[in-house]
Amino acid sequence: MILFTIIILIIILLIYICYNNEYMNNKLGGKKKKKKKKAKKKKSKKKKSKKKKGKSSSPPPMADNHPLIEDKPFYIYTTGIGEWGDLTKAAAVWFTIIQPYILKKIPSNFNAIHIYHYDPLNDPTIMNDKNVESIISEINKLISENSNDRIKSASFYQHYFDTEHIKSPYILIDLGHIFMYGKKDSVIYSTHTNISSKKVFHIKSIYPGYHTSPIPKCIIQSDYLNIDNNGKVTTFINRLFDLNYFNDNDLTDGYVEYTSNPIEHIYNSAIKKFLTNNEYINYLEIHIQHIINFIIDNIMKEGIPLQELINKTYEYIIELKKL
């Protein structure tokens, strides 16, 4: 009886142990599955977050809203800047008066200005005693000292003006007086050049007269030039031909040597009635620049007949004297 009871107890104990083992295994297995599921969820979340990060870290390339501004050039040519080695004359006038004026007249949409100076410096009667290399070095120094942000390049060339390679839009300032001037920008070589050729060129050029003479000196300091936004240039010489201000004595075969002649004629005709009055004579000498400015402004803007402008200038002098 006791033995039977012991056997029963052992069997119950074994059943309990087996049952307990299975229960623990099931419990532990469930935890592992939950951990795996959680791990899978974490991994999937990480993948999703990685994808999101990928999108934010590499946005599509932006369009270039600020493209580089392209150069829009305007060209300036000069002759005679060396004036036989005396840089206190044409060169001084160019750098102190003419260049600043022309730069102001060129519209701001032209952001790359190129300047080319031509002068052979070869007059044997004057240049023999001068050091040409030293003169060229001094010209280049002046060019460098008088540069600014709008001037893309500026150079001096020791030879005659190159009529075959002119870039547009442009203006030529003929300080060397190598041309005579005709209608519609036609020019031929001046008698001063000793060039016998009568070849006609079409060049947009200005010769205001010799810059130390009273009237040309004032013309240089007046508003004698217009340049529109497309680079079209109109000079006081163009206007003088348009208005038929040149007389037969000014022209040789349709070309004029001294372009300031009509301006001098208007001035002299307007002031002659005042020349008997000493008070006016002194006044005219002091205010000649104002009077020439008035004449040039009317030539460039008004387009009135020659005699009418003479009368208008006479009236202007009277009114100017009252101020």
C-alpha atoms as a PDB file:
ATOM      1  CA  MET A   1       0.000   0.000   0.000  1.00  0.00           C
ATOM      2  CA  ILE A   2       2.785   2.360   0.862  1.00  0.00           C
ATOM      3  CA  LEU A   3       4.629   1.373  -2.283  1.00  0.00           C
ATOM      4  CA  PHE A   4       1.594   2.049  -4.434  1.00  0.00           C
ATOM      5  CA  THR A   5       1.216   5.475  -2.861  1.00  0.00           C
ATOM      6  CA  ILE A   6       4.872   6.315  -3.581  1.00  0.00           C
ATOM      7  CA  ILE A   7       4.485   5.273  -7.220  1.00  0.00           C
ATOM      8  CA  ILE A   8       1.400   7.469  -7.591  1.00  0.00           C
ATOM      9  CA  LEU A   9       3.236  10.454  -6.130  1.00  0.00           C
ATOM     10  CA  ILE A  10       6.175   9.954  -8.496  1.00  0.00           C
ATOM     11  CA  ILE A  11       3.832   9.839 -11.495  1.00  0.00           C
ATOM     12  CA  ILE A  12       2.104  13.029 -10.348  1.00  0.00           C
ATOM     13  CA  LEU A  13       5.470  14.723  -9.898  1.00  0.00           C
ATOM     14  CA  LEU A  14       6.596  13.749 -13.408  1.00  0.00           C
ATOM     15  CA  ILE A  15       3.362  15.001 -14.906  1.00  0.00           C
ATOM     16  CA  TYR A  16       3.806  18.278 -13.061  1.00  0.00           C
ATOM     17  CA  ILE A  17       7.403  18.665 -14.272  1.00  0.00           C
ATOM     18  CA  CYS A  18       6.454  17.967 -17.916  1.00  0.00           C
ATOM     19  CA  TYR A  19       3.535  20.317 -17.764  1.00  0.00           C
ATOM     20  CA  ASN A  20       5.640  23.054 -16.208  1.00  0.00           C
ATOM     21  CA  ASN A  21       8.368  22.680 -18.848  1.00  0.00           C
ATOM     22  CA  GLU A  22       5.874  22.969 -21.679  1.00  0.00           C
ATOM     23  CA  TYR A  23       4.296  26.000 -20.074  1.00  0.00           C
ATOM     24  CA  MET A  24       7.685  27.765 -19.745  1.00  0.00           C
ATOM     25  CA  ASN A  25       8.642  26.916 -23.288  1.00  0.00           C
ATOM     26  CA  ASN A  26       5.406  28.352 -24.608  1.00  0.00           C
ATOM     27  CA  LYS A  27       5.899  31.508 -22.564  1.00  0.00           C
ATOM     28  CA  LEU A  28       9.468  32.023 -23.627  1.00  0.00           C
ATOM     29  CA  GLY A  29       8.637  31.290 -27.261  1.00  0.00           C
ATOM     30  CA  GLY A  30       5.897  33.917 -27.217  1.00  0.00           C
ATOM     31  CA  LYS A  31       8.304  36.522 -25.908  1.00  0.00           C
ATOM     32  CA  LYS A  32      10.814  35.703 -28.638  1.00  0.00           C
ATOM     33  CA  LYS A  33       8.125  36.015 -31.312  1.00  0.00           C
ATOM     34  CA  LYS A  34       7.049  39.346 -29.851  1.00  0.00           C
ATOM     35  CA  LYS A  35      10.669  40.492 -29.803  1.00  0.00           C
ATOM     36  CA  LYS A  36      11.084  39.410 -33.438  1.00  0.00           C
ATOM     37  CA  LYS A  37       7.890  41.222 -34.394  1.00  0.00           C
ATOM     38  CA  LYS A  38       9.061  44.313 -32.536  1.00  0.00           C
ATOM     39  CA  ALA A  39      12.482  44.045 -34.188  1.00  0.00           C
ATOM     40  CA  LYS A  40      10.818  43.728 -37.601  1.00  0.00           C
ATOM     41  CA  LYS A  41       8.668  46.773 -36.852  1.00  0.00           C
ATOM     42  CA  LYS A  42      11.725  48.749 -35.773  1.00  0.00           C
ATOM     43  CA  LYS A  43      13.585  47.711 -38.906  1.00  0.00           C
ATOM     44  CA  SER A  44      10.638  48.717 -41.116  1.00  0.00           C
ATOM     45  CA  LYS A  45      10.427  52.065 -39.299  1.00  0.00           C
ATOM     46  CA  LYS A  46      14.157  52.619 -39.809  1.00  0.00           C
ATOM     47  CA  LYS A  47      13.795  51.840 -43.501  1.00  0.00           C
ATOM     48  CA  LYS A  48      10.910  54.253 -43.792  1.00  0.00           C
ATOM     49  CA  SER A  49      12.839  56.948 -41.938  1.00  0.00           C
ATOM     50  CA  LYS A  50      15.846  56.351 -44.179  1.00  0.00           C
ATOM     51  CA  LYS A  51      13.685  56.804 -47.238  1.00  0.00           C
ATOM     52  CA  LYS A  52      12.300  60.043 -45.832  1.00  0.00           C
ATOM     53  CA  LYS A  53      15.798  61.298 -45.066  1.00  0.00           C
ATOM     54  CA  GLY A  54      16.885  60.462 -48.585  1.00  0.00           C
ATOM     55  CA  LYS A  55      14.176  62.648 -50.053  1.00  0.00           C
ATOM     56  CA  SER A  56      14.932  65.637 -47.825  1.00  0.00           C
ATOM     57  CA  SER A  57      18.726  65.475 -48.196  1.00  0.00           C
ATOM     58  CA  SER A  58      18.752  65.496 -51.983  1.00  0.00           C
ATOM     59  CA  PRO A  59      16.176  67.988 -53.301  1.00  0.00           C
ATOM     60  CA  PRO A  60      15.819  68.481 -57.059  1.00  0.00           C
ATOM     61  CA  PRO A  61      18.332  70.945 -58.508  1.00  0.00           C
ATOM     62  CA  MET A  62      17.095  74.532 -58.522  1.00  0.00           C
ATOM     63  CA  ALA A  63      16.911  76.481 -61.759  1.00  0.00           C
ATOM     64  CA  ASP A  64      19.605  79.164 -62.078  1.00  0.00           C
ATOM     65  CA  ASN A  65      17.727  82.381 -61.407  1.00  0.00           C
ATOM     66  CA  HIS A  66      20.858  84.539 -61.682  1.00  0.00           C
ATOM     67  CA  PRO A  67      22.618  83.753 -64.954  1.00  0.00           C
ATOM     68  CA  LEU A  68      25.905  85.511 -65.685  1.00  0.00           C
ATOM     69  CA  ILE A  69      25.378  88.873 -67.382  1.00  0.00           C
ATOM     70  CA  GLU A  70      26.815  88.797 -70.878  1.00  0.00           C
ATOM     71  CA  ASP A  71      29.117  91.572 -72.010  1.00  0.00           C
ATOM     72  CA  LYS A  72      27.508  94.146 -74.288  1.00  0.00           C
ATOM     73  CA  PRO A  73      30.394  96.032 -75.884  1.00  0.00           C
ATOM     74  CA  PHE A  74      30.797  99.565 -77.184  1.00  0.00           C
ATOM     75  CA  TYR A  75      33.990 100.659 -78.941  1.00  0.00           C
ATOM     76  CA  ILE A  76      35.797 103.997 -78.843  1.00  0.00           C
ATOM     77  CA  TYR A  77      38.592 104.842 -81.287  1.00  0.00           C
ATOM     78  CA  THR A  78      40.874 107.873 -81.269  1.00  0.00           C
ATOM     79  CA  THR A  79      43.528 109.368 -83.538  1.00  0.00           C
ATOM     80  CA  GLY A  80      46.356 111.752 -82.689  1.00  0.00           C
ATOM     81  CA  ILE A  81      46.382 111.317 -78.925  1.00  0.00           C
ATOM     82  CA  GLY A  82      50.200 111.483 -78.916  1.00  0.00           C
ATOM     83  CA  GLU A  83      50.299 114.860 -80.739  1.00  0.00           C
ATOM     84  CA  TRP A  84      53.944 114.575 -81.721  1.00  0.00           C
ATOM     85  CA  GLY A  85      55.014 113.641 -78.218  1.00  0.00           C
ATOM     86  CA  ASP A  86      53.419 116.534 -76.335  1.00  0.00           C
ATOM     87  CA  LEU A  87      51.066 114.807 -73.899  1.00  0.00           C
ATOM     88  CA  THR A  88      49.947 118.122 -72.357  1.00  0.00           C
ATOM     89  CA  LYS A  89      47.742 118.757 -75.407  1.00  0.00           C
ATOM     90  CA  ALA A  90      45.497 116.127 -77.051  1.00  0.00           C
ATOM     91  CA  ALA A  91      46.169 113.481 -74.392  1.00  0.00           C
ATOM     92  CA  ALA A  92      45.337 115.898 -71.577  1.00  0.00           C
ATOM     93  CA  VAL A  93      42.112 116.966 -73.314  1.00  0.00           C
ATOM     94  CA  TRP A  94      41.166 113.342 -73.942  1.00  0.00           C
ATOM     95  CA  PHE A  95      41.631 112.053 -70.401  1.00  0.00           C
ATOM     96  CA  THR A  96      40.249 115.084 -68.538  1.00  0.00           C
ATOM     97  CA  ILE A  97      37.333 116.130 -70.781  1.00  0.00           C
ATOM     98  CA  ILE A  98      36.471 113.908 -73.750  1.00  0.00           C
ATOM     99  CA  GLN A  99      36.743 110.390 -72.291  1.00  0.00           C
ATOM    100  CA  PRO A 100      34.631 111.177 -69.170  1.00  0.00           C
ATOM    101  CA  TYR A 101      32.003 112.866 -71.388  1.00  0.00           C
ATOM    102  CA  ILE A 102      31.736 109.961 -73.844  1.00  0.00           C
ATOM    103  CA  LEU A 103      31.537 107.388 -71.049  1.00  0.00           C
ATOM    104  CA  LYS A 104      28.561 109.319 -69.640  1.00  0.00           C
ATOM    105  CA  LYS A 105      26.896 109.437 -73.072  1.00  0.00           C
ATOM    106  CA  ILE A 106      27.174 105.681 -73.652  1.00  0.00           C
ATOM    107  CA  PRO A 107      23.985 104.077 -72.227  1.00  0.00           C
ATOM    108  CA  SER A 108      24.457 101.895 -69.159  1.00  0.00           C
ATOM    109  CA  ASN A 109      23.269  98.754 -70.980  1.00  0.00           C
ATOM    110  CA  PHE A 110      26.694  98.761 -72.678  1.00  0.00           C
ATOM    111  CA  ASN A 111      28.755  97.236 -69.869  1.00  0.00           C
ATOM    112  CA  ALA A 112      32.007  96.469 -71.708  1.00  0.00           C
ATOM    113  CA  ILE A 113      33.724  99.470 -73.262  1.00  0.00           C
ATOM    114  CA  HIS A 114      36.857  98.992 -75.351  1.00  0.00           C
ATOM    115  CA  ILE A 115      39.109 101.923 -76.252  1.00  0.00           C
ATOM    116  CA  TYR A 116      41.718 101.866 -79.044  1.00  0.00           C
ATOM    117  CA  HIS A 117      44.134 104.791 -79.479  1.00  0.00           C
ATOM    118  CA  TYR A 118      45.992 105.151 -82.803  1.00  0.00           C
ATOM    119  CA  ASP A 119      48.949 107.446 -83.455  1.00  0.00           C
ATOM    120  CA  PRO A 120      52.047 106.590 -85.552  1.00  0.00           C
ATOM    121  CA  LEU A 121      54.178 109.183 -83.682  1.00  0.00           C
ATOM    122  CA  ASN A 122      56.214 109.556 -86.852  1.00  0.00           C
ATOM    123  CA  ASP A 123      56.496 113.261 -87.679  1.00  0.00           C
ATOM    124  CA  PRO A 124      60.250 113.523 -88.375  1.00  0.00           C
ATOM    125  CA  THR A 125      60.450 117.294 -87.817  1.00  0.00           C
ATOM    126  CA  ILE A 126      59.266 116.910 -84.215  1.00  0.00           C
ATOM    127  CA  MET A 127      59.917 113.332 -83.121  1.00  0.00           C
ATOM    128  CA  ASN A 128      63.648 113.127 -83.886  1.00  0.00           C
ATOM    129  CA  ASP A 129      64.592 114.638 -80.539  1.00  0.00           C
ATOM    130  CA  LYS A 130      62.028 112.690 -78.533  1.00  0.00           C
ATOM    131  CA  ASN A 131      62.204 109.205 -77.058  1.00  0.00           C
ATOM    132  CA  VAL A 132      59.259 107.395 -78.672  1.00  0.00           C
ATOM    133  CA  GLU A 133      59.390 104.467 -76.259  1.00  0.00           C
ATOM    134  CA  SER A 134      59.205 106.866 -73.313  1.00  0.00           C
ATOM    135  CA  ILE A 135      56.182 108.614 -74.866  1.00  0.00           C
ATOM    136  CA  ILE A 136      54.383 105.306 -75.426  1.00  0.00           C
ATOM    137  CA  SER A 137      55.144 104.270 -71.849  1.00  0.00           C
ATOM    138  CA  GLU A 138      53.680 107.540 -70.570  1.00  0.00           C
ATOM    139  CA  ILE A 139      50.547 107.125 -72.726  1.00  0.00           C
ATOM    140  CA  ASN A 140      50.034 103.603 -71.360  1.00  0.00           C
ATOM    141  CA  LYS A 141      50.446 104.960 -67.840  1.00  0.00           C
ATOM    142  CA  LEU A 142      47.736 107.581 -68.503  1.00  0.00           C
ATOM    143  CA  ILE A 143      45.468 104.874 -69.933  1.00  0.00           C
ATOM    144  CA  SER A 144      45.901 102.780 -66.791  1.00  0.00           C
ATOM    145  CA  GLU A 145      45.367 105.729 -64.424  1.00  0.00           C
ATOM    146  CA  ASN A 146      42.149 106.740 -66.186  1.00  0.00           C
ATOM    147  CA  SER A 147      40.467 103.346 -66.335  1.00  0.00           C
ATOM    148  CA  ASN A 148      37.298 102.294 -64.497  1.00  0.00           C
ATOM    149  CA  ASP A 149      34.897  99.343 -64.117  1.00  0.00           C
ATOM    150  CA  ARG A 150      33.075 100.040 -67.397  1.00  0.00           C
ATOM    151  CA  ILE A 151      36.270 100.046 -69.448  1.00  0.00           C
ATOM    152  CA  LYS A 152      36.941  96.428 -70.350  1.00  0.00           C
ATOM    153  CA  SER A 153      40.155  97.204 -72.232  1.00  0.00           C
ATOM    154  CA  ALA A 154      42.152 100.201 -73.449  1.00  0.00           C
ATOM    155  CA  SER A 155      45.211 100.060 -75.701  1.00  0.00           C
ATOM    156  CA  PHE A 156      47.581 102.298 -77.660  1.00  0.00           C
ATOM    157  CA  TYR A 157      48.791 101.371 -81.168  1.00  0.00           C
ATOM    158  CA  GLN A 158      51.740 103.103 -82.787  1.00  0.00           C
ATOM    159  CA  HIS A 159      50.366 103.166 -86.318  1.00  0.00           C
ATOM    160  CA  TYR A 160      47.697 104.818 -88.438  1.00  0.00           C
ATOM    161  CA  PHE A 161      44.026 104.274 -87.661  1.00  0.00           C
ATOM    162  CA  ASP A 162      42.851 100.912 -89.014  1.00  0.00           C
ATOM    163  CA  THR A 163      39.863 101.674 -91.263  1.00  0.00           C
ATOM    164  CA  GLU A 164      39.303  98.025 -92.167  1.00  0.00           C
ATOM    165  CA  HIS A 165      38.672  96.509 -88.726  1.00  0.00           C
ATOM    166  CA  ILE A 166      36.157  98.705 -86.941  1.00  0.00           C
ATOM    167  CA  LYS A 167      33.821  96.983 -84.511  1.00  0.00           C
ATOM    168  CA  SER A 168      30.276  98.234 -83.918  1.00  0.00           C
ATOM    169  CA  PRO A 169      28.718 100.051 -82.196  1.00  0.00           C
ATOM    170  CA  TYR A 170      31.459 102.667 -82.008  1.00  0.00           C
ATOM    171  CA  ILE A 171      32.557 106.286 -82.234  1.00  0.00           C
ATOM    172  CA  LEU A 172      35.862 107.663 -83.549  1.00  0.00           C
ATOM    173  CA  ILE A 173      37.240 110.854 -81.998  1.00  0.00           C
ATOM    174  CA  ASP A 174      39.530 112.222 -84.695  1.00  0.00           C
ATOM    175  CA  LEU A 175      41.916 114.358 -82.617  1.00  0.00           C
ATOM    176  CA  GLY A 176      44.587 113.835 -85.283  1.00  0.00           C
ATOM    177  CA  HIS A 177      42.318 115.365 -87.970  1.00  0.00           C
ATOM    178  CA  ILE A 178      42.997 112.590 -90.484  1.00  0.00           C
ATOM    179  CA  PHE A 179      39.584 112.925 -92.192  1.00  0.00           C
ATOM    180  CA  MET A 180      37.426 115.414 -94.066  1.00  0.00           C
ATOM    181  CA  TYR A 181      33.695 115.014 -93.463  1.00  0.00           C
ATOM    182  CA  GLY A 182      30.704 114.590 -95.772  1.00  0.00           C
ATOM    183  CA  LYS A 183      27.038 113.607 -95.602  1.00  0.00           C
ATOM    184  CA  LYS A 184      25.809 110.339 -94.092  1.00  0.00           C
ATOM    185  CA  ASP A 185      29.064 109.585 -92.235  1.00  0.00           C
ATOM    186  CA  SER A 186      31.171 109.589 -95.404  1.00  0.00           C
ATOM    187  CA  VAL A 187      34.797 110.643 -94.880  1.00  0.00           C
ATOM    188  CA  ILE A 188      37.930 110.966 -97.004  1.00  0.00           C
ATOM    189  CA  TYR A 189      41.530 111.508 -95.947  1.00  0.00           C
ATOM    190  CA  SER A 190      42.320 115.065 -94.904  1.00  0.00           C
ATOM    191  CA  THR A 191      44.922 117.101 -96.786  1.00  0.00           C
ATOM    192  CA  HIS A 192      46.871 117.149 -93.503  1.00  0.00           C
ATOM    193  CA  THR A 193      47.746 113.475 -93.898  1.00  0.00           C
ATOM    194  CA  ASN A 194      49.579 113.839 -97.224  1.00  0.00           C
ATOM    195  CA  ILE A 195      47.638 110.771 -98.394  1.00  0.00           C
ATOM    196  CA  SER A 196      46.592 111.312-101.998  1.00  0.00           C
ATOM    197  CA  SER A 197      43.886 108.623-102.006  1.00  0.00           C
ATOM    198  CA  LYS A 198      40.317 109.904-102.401  1.00  0.00           C
ATOM    199  CA  LYS A 199      38.794 106.653-101.185  1.00  0.00           C
ATOM    200  CA  VAL A 200      35.480 107.204 -99.403  1.00  0.00           C
ATOM    201  CA  PHE A 201      34.908 105.519 -96.040  1.00  0.00           C
ATOM    202  CA  HIS A 202      31.715 105.436 -94.011  1.00  0.00           C
ATOM    203  CA  ILE A 203      32.881 106.045 -90.450  1.00  0.00           C
ATOM    204  CA  LYS A 204      31.037 107.529 -87.496  1.00  0.00           C
ATOM    205  CA  SER A 205      33.614 110.137 -86.537  1.00  0.00           C
ATOM    206  CA  ILE A 206      33.974 113.549 -84.907  1.00  0.00           C
ATOM    207  CA  TYR A 207      36.543 116.250 -85.502  1.00  0.00           C
ATOM    208  CA  PRO A 208      35.588 119.256 -83.330  1.00  0.00           C
ATOM    209  CA  GLY A 209      38.419 121.461 -84.603  1.00  0.00           C
ATOM    210  CA  TYR A 210      41.820 122.051 -83.089  1.00  0.00           C
ATOM    211  CA  HIS A 211      41.277 121.782 -79.363  1.00  0.00           C
ATOM    212  CA  THR A 212      43.273 124.885 -78.365  1.00  0.00           C
ATOM    213  CA  SER A 213      41.245 127.256 -80.586  1.00  0.00           C
ATOM    214  CA  PRO A 214      38.451 129.148 -78.729  1.00  0.00           C
ATOM    215  CA  ILE A 215      35.361 127.719 -80.504  1.00  0.00           C
ATOM    216  CA  PRO A 216      36.580 124.065 -80.847  1.00  0.00           C
ATOM    217  CA  LYS A 217      37.714 124.189 -77.232  1.00  0.00           C
ATOM    218  CA  CYS A 218      34.126 125.066 -76.257  1.00  0.00           C
ATOM    219  CA  ILE A 219      32.616 122.466 -78.626  1.00  0.00           C
ATOM    220  CA  ILE A 220      34.644 119.762 -76.865  1.00  0.00           C
ATOM    221  CA  GLN A 221      33.023 120.816 -73.565  1.00  0.00           C
ATOM    222  CA  SER A 222      29.473 120.960 -74.977  1.00  0.00           C
ATOM    223  CA  ASP A 223      26.873 118.207 -75.519  1.00  0.00           C
ATOM    224  CA  TYR A 224      27.801 117.369 -79.137  1.00  0.00           C
ATOM    225  CA  LEU A 225      26.907 113.671 -79.210  1.00  0.00           C
ATOM    226  CA  ASN A 226      23.882 111.380 -78.765  1.00  0.00           C
ATOM    227  CA  ILE A 227      24.002 107.578 -78.370  1.00  0.00           C
ATOM    228  CA  ASP A 228      20.761 105.603 -78.046  1.00  0.00           C
ATOM    229  CA  ASN A 229      20.217 102.260 -76.286  1.00  0.00           C
ATOM    230  CA  ASN A 230      20.884 100.366 -79.528  1.00  0.00           C
ATOM    231  CA  GLY A 231      24.246 102.070 -79.988  1.00  0.00           C
ATOM    232  CA  LYS A 232      23.121 104.428 -82.767  1.00  0.00           C
ATOM    233  CA  VAL A 233      25.345 107.516 -82.725  1.00  0.00           C
ATOM    234  CA  THR A 234      24.379 111.030 -83.858  1.00  0.00           C
ATOM    235  CA  THR A 235      27.055 113.742 -83.873  1.00  0.00           C
ATOM    236  CA  PHE A 236      26.864 117.507 -84.272  1.00  0.00           C
ATOM    237  CA  ILE A 237      28.486 117.004 -87.697  1.00  0.00           C
ATOM    238  CA  ASN A 238      25.569 114.786 -88.756  1.00  0.00           C
ATOM    239  CA  ARG A 239      23.158 117.503 -87.654  1.00  0.00           C
ATOM    240  CA  LEU A 240      25.071 120.278 -89.441  1.00  0.00           C
ATOM    241  CA  PHE A 241      24.727 118.354 -92.716  1.00  0.00           C
ATOM    242  CA  ASP A 242      21.073 117.476 -92.033  1.00  0.00           C
ATOM    243  CA  LEU A 243      20.282 121.171 -91.487  1.00  0.00           C
ATOM    244  CA  ASN A 244      22.391 122.397 -94.452  1.00  0.00           C
ATOM    245  CA  TYR A 245      24.464 124.687 -92.215  1.00  0.00           C
ATOM    246  CA  PHE A 246      27.641 124.293 -94.276  1.00  0.00           C
ATOM    247  CA  ASN A 247      28.004 126.870 -97.048  1.00  0.00           C
ATOM    248  CA  ASP A 248      29.844 126.486-100.361  1.00  0.00           C
ATOM    249  CA  ASN A 249      33.008 128.023 -98.955  1.00  0.00           C
ATOM    250  CA  ASP A 250      33.152 125.325 -96.256  1.00  0.00           C
ATOM    251  CA  LEU A 251      32.947 122.411 -98.720  1.00  0.00           C
ATOM    252  CA  THR A 252      35.399 120.931-101.189  1.00  0.00           C
ATOM    253  CA  ASP A 253      33.702 118.380-103.440  1.00  0.00           C
ATOM    254  CA  GLY A 254      31.079 117.900-100.748  1.00  0.00           C
ATOM    255  CA  TYR A 255      33.559 117.443 -97.886  1.00  0.00           C
ATOM    256  CA  VAL A 256      34.446 119.862 -95.093  1.00  0.00           C
ATOM    257  CA  GLU A 257      37.890 120.251 -93.540  1.00  0.00           C
ATOM    258  CA  TYR A 258      36.909 122.396 -90.549  1.00  0.00           C
ATOM    259  CA  THR A 259      33.668 121.144 -89.001  1.00  0.00           C
ATOM    260  CA  SER A 260      33.475 123.980 -86.479  1.00  0.00           C
ATOM    261  CA  ASN A 261      32.967 126.645 -89.204  1.00  0.00           C
ATOM    262  CA  PRO A 262      29.131 126.853 -88.936  1.00  0.00           C
ATOM    263  CA  ILE A 263      29.356 127.134 -85.128  1.00  0.00           C
ATOM    264  CA  GLU A 264      31.835 130.013 -85.459  1.00  0.00           C
ATOM    265  CA  HIS A 265      29.621 131.660 -88.079  1.00  0.00           C
ATOM    266  CA  ILE A 266      26.539 131.507 -85.813  1.00  0.00           C
ATOM    267  CA  TYR A 267      28.513 132.818 -82.826  1.00  0.00           C
ATOM    268  CA  ASN A 268      30.200 135.667 -84.723  1.00  0.00           C
ATOM    269  CA  SER A 269      26.920 136.676 -86.413  1.00  0.00           C
ATOM    270  CA  ALA A 270      25.062 136.721 -83.094  1.00  0.00           C
ATOM    271  CA  ILE A 271      27.646 138.805 -81.213  1.00  0.00           C
ATOM    272  CA  LYS A 272      28.593 141.382 -83.880  1.00  0.00           C
ATOM    273  CA  LYS A 273      25.909 143.864 -82.708  1.00  0.00           C
ATOM    274  CA  PHE A 274      27.485 143.802 -79.236  1.00  0.00           C
ATOM    275  CA  LEU A 275      31.068 144.441 -80.349  1.00  0.00           C
ATOM    276  CA  THR A 276      30.758 148.229 -80.079  1.00  0.00           C
ATOM    277  CA  ASN A 277      29.859 147.869 -76.392  1.00  0.00           C
ATOM    278  CA  ASN A 278      32.924 147.291 -74.197  1.00  0.00           C
ATOM    279  CA  GLU A 279      30.746 145.969 -71.396  1.00  0.00           C
ATOM    280  CA  TYR A 280      29.433 143.206 -73.686  1.00  0.00           C
ATOM    281  CA  ILE A 281      32.872 142.433 -75.145  1.00  0.00           C
ATOM    282  CA  ASN A 282      34.211 141.500 -71.707  1.00  0.00           C
ATOM    283  CA  TYR A 283      31.021 139.631 -70.926  1.00  0.00           C
ATOM    284  CA  LEU A 284      31.206 137.572 -74.155  1.00  0.00           C
ATOM    285  CA  GLU A 285      34.792 136.528 -73.421  1.00  0.00           C
ATOM    286  CA  ILE A 286      33.780 135.244 -70.006  1.00  0.00           C
ATOM    287  CA  HIS A 287      30.602 133.464 -71.143  1.00  0.00           C
ATOM    288  CA  ILE A 288      31.601 132.076 -74.527  1.00  0.00           C
ATOM    289  CA  GLN A 289      31.195 128.481 -73.236  1.00  0.00           C
ATOM    290  CA  HIS A 290      27.545 129.115 -72.267  1.00  0.00           C
ATOM    291  CA  ILE A 291      26.831 130.584 -75.691  1.00  0.00           C
ATOM    292  CA  ILE A 292      28.454 127.685 -77.579  1.00  0.00           C
ATOM    293  CA  ASN A 293      26.549 125.232 -75.358  1.00  0.00           C
ATOM    294  CA  PHE A 294      23.317 127.009 -76.330  1.00  0.00           C
ATOM    295  CA  ILE A 295      24.162 126.810 -80.048  1.00  0.00           C
ATOM    296  CA  ILE A 296      25.115 123.110 -79.914  1.00  0.00           C
ATOM    297  CA  ASP A 297      21.998 122.220 -77.882  1.00  0.00           C
ATOM    298  CA  ASN A 298      19.788 123.843 -80.522  1.00  0.00           C
ATOM    299  CA  ILE A 299      21.632 122.114 -83.359  1.00  0.00           C
ATOM    300  CA  MET A 300      21.287 118.715 -81.694  1.00  0.00           C
ATOM    301  CA  LYS A 301      17.657 119.085 -80.562  1.00  0.00           C
ATOM    302  CA  GLU A 302      15.716 121.824 -82.349  1.00  0.00           C
ATOM    303  CA  GLY A 303      16.695 121.644 -86.012  1.00  0.00           C
ATOM    304  CA  ILE A 304      15.799 125.251 -86.866  1.00  0.00           C
ATOM    305  CA  PRO A 305      17.067 127.197 -89.944  1.00  0.00           C
ATOM    306  CA  LEU A 306      20.479 128.849 -89.713  1.00  0.00           C
ATOM    307  CA  GLN A 307      19.310 132.490 -89.597  1.00  0.00           C
ATOM    308  CA  GLU A 308      16.674 131.641 -87.014  1.00  0.00           C
ATOM    309  CA  LEU A 309      19.341 130.125 -84.770  1.00  0.00           C
ATOM    310  CA  ILE A 310      21.521 133.239 -85.197  1.00  0.00           C
ATOM    311  CA  ASN A 311      18.587 135.413 -84.057  1.00  0.00           C
ATOM    312  CA  LYS A 312      17.795 133.050 -81.204  1.00  0.00           C
ATOM    313  CA  THR A 313      21.432 133.134 -80.038  1.00  0.00           C
ATOM    314  CA  TYR A 314      21.416 136.954 -80.117  1.00  0.00           C
ATOM    315  CA  GLU A 315      18.306 136.970 -77.886  1.00  0.00           C
ATOM    316  CA  TYR A 316      19.885 134.374 -75.587  1.00  0.00           C
ATOM    317  CA  ILE A 317      22.940 136.619 -75.049  1.00  0.00           C
ATOM    318  CA  ILE A 318      20.685 139.530 -74.028  1.00  0.00           C
ATOM    319  CA  GLU A 319      18.749 137.358 -71.587  1.00  0.00           C
ATOM    320  CA  LEU A 320      21.951 135.810 -70.232  1.00  0.00           C
ATOM    321  CA  LYS A 321      23.341 139.294 -69.546  1.00  0.00           C
ATOM    322  CA  LYS A 322      20.283 140.120 -67.405  1.00  0.00           C
ATOM    323  CA  LEU A 323      20.876 137.185 -65.057  1.00  0.00           C
END
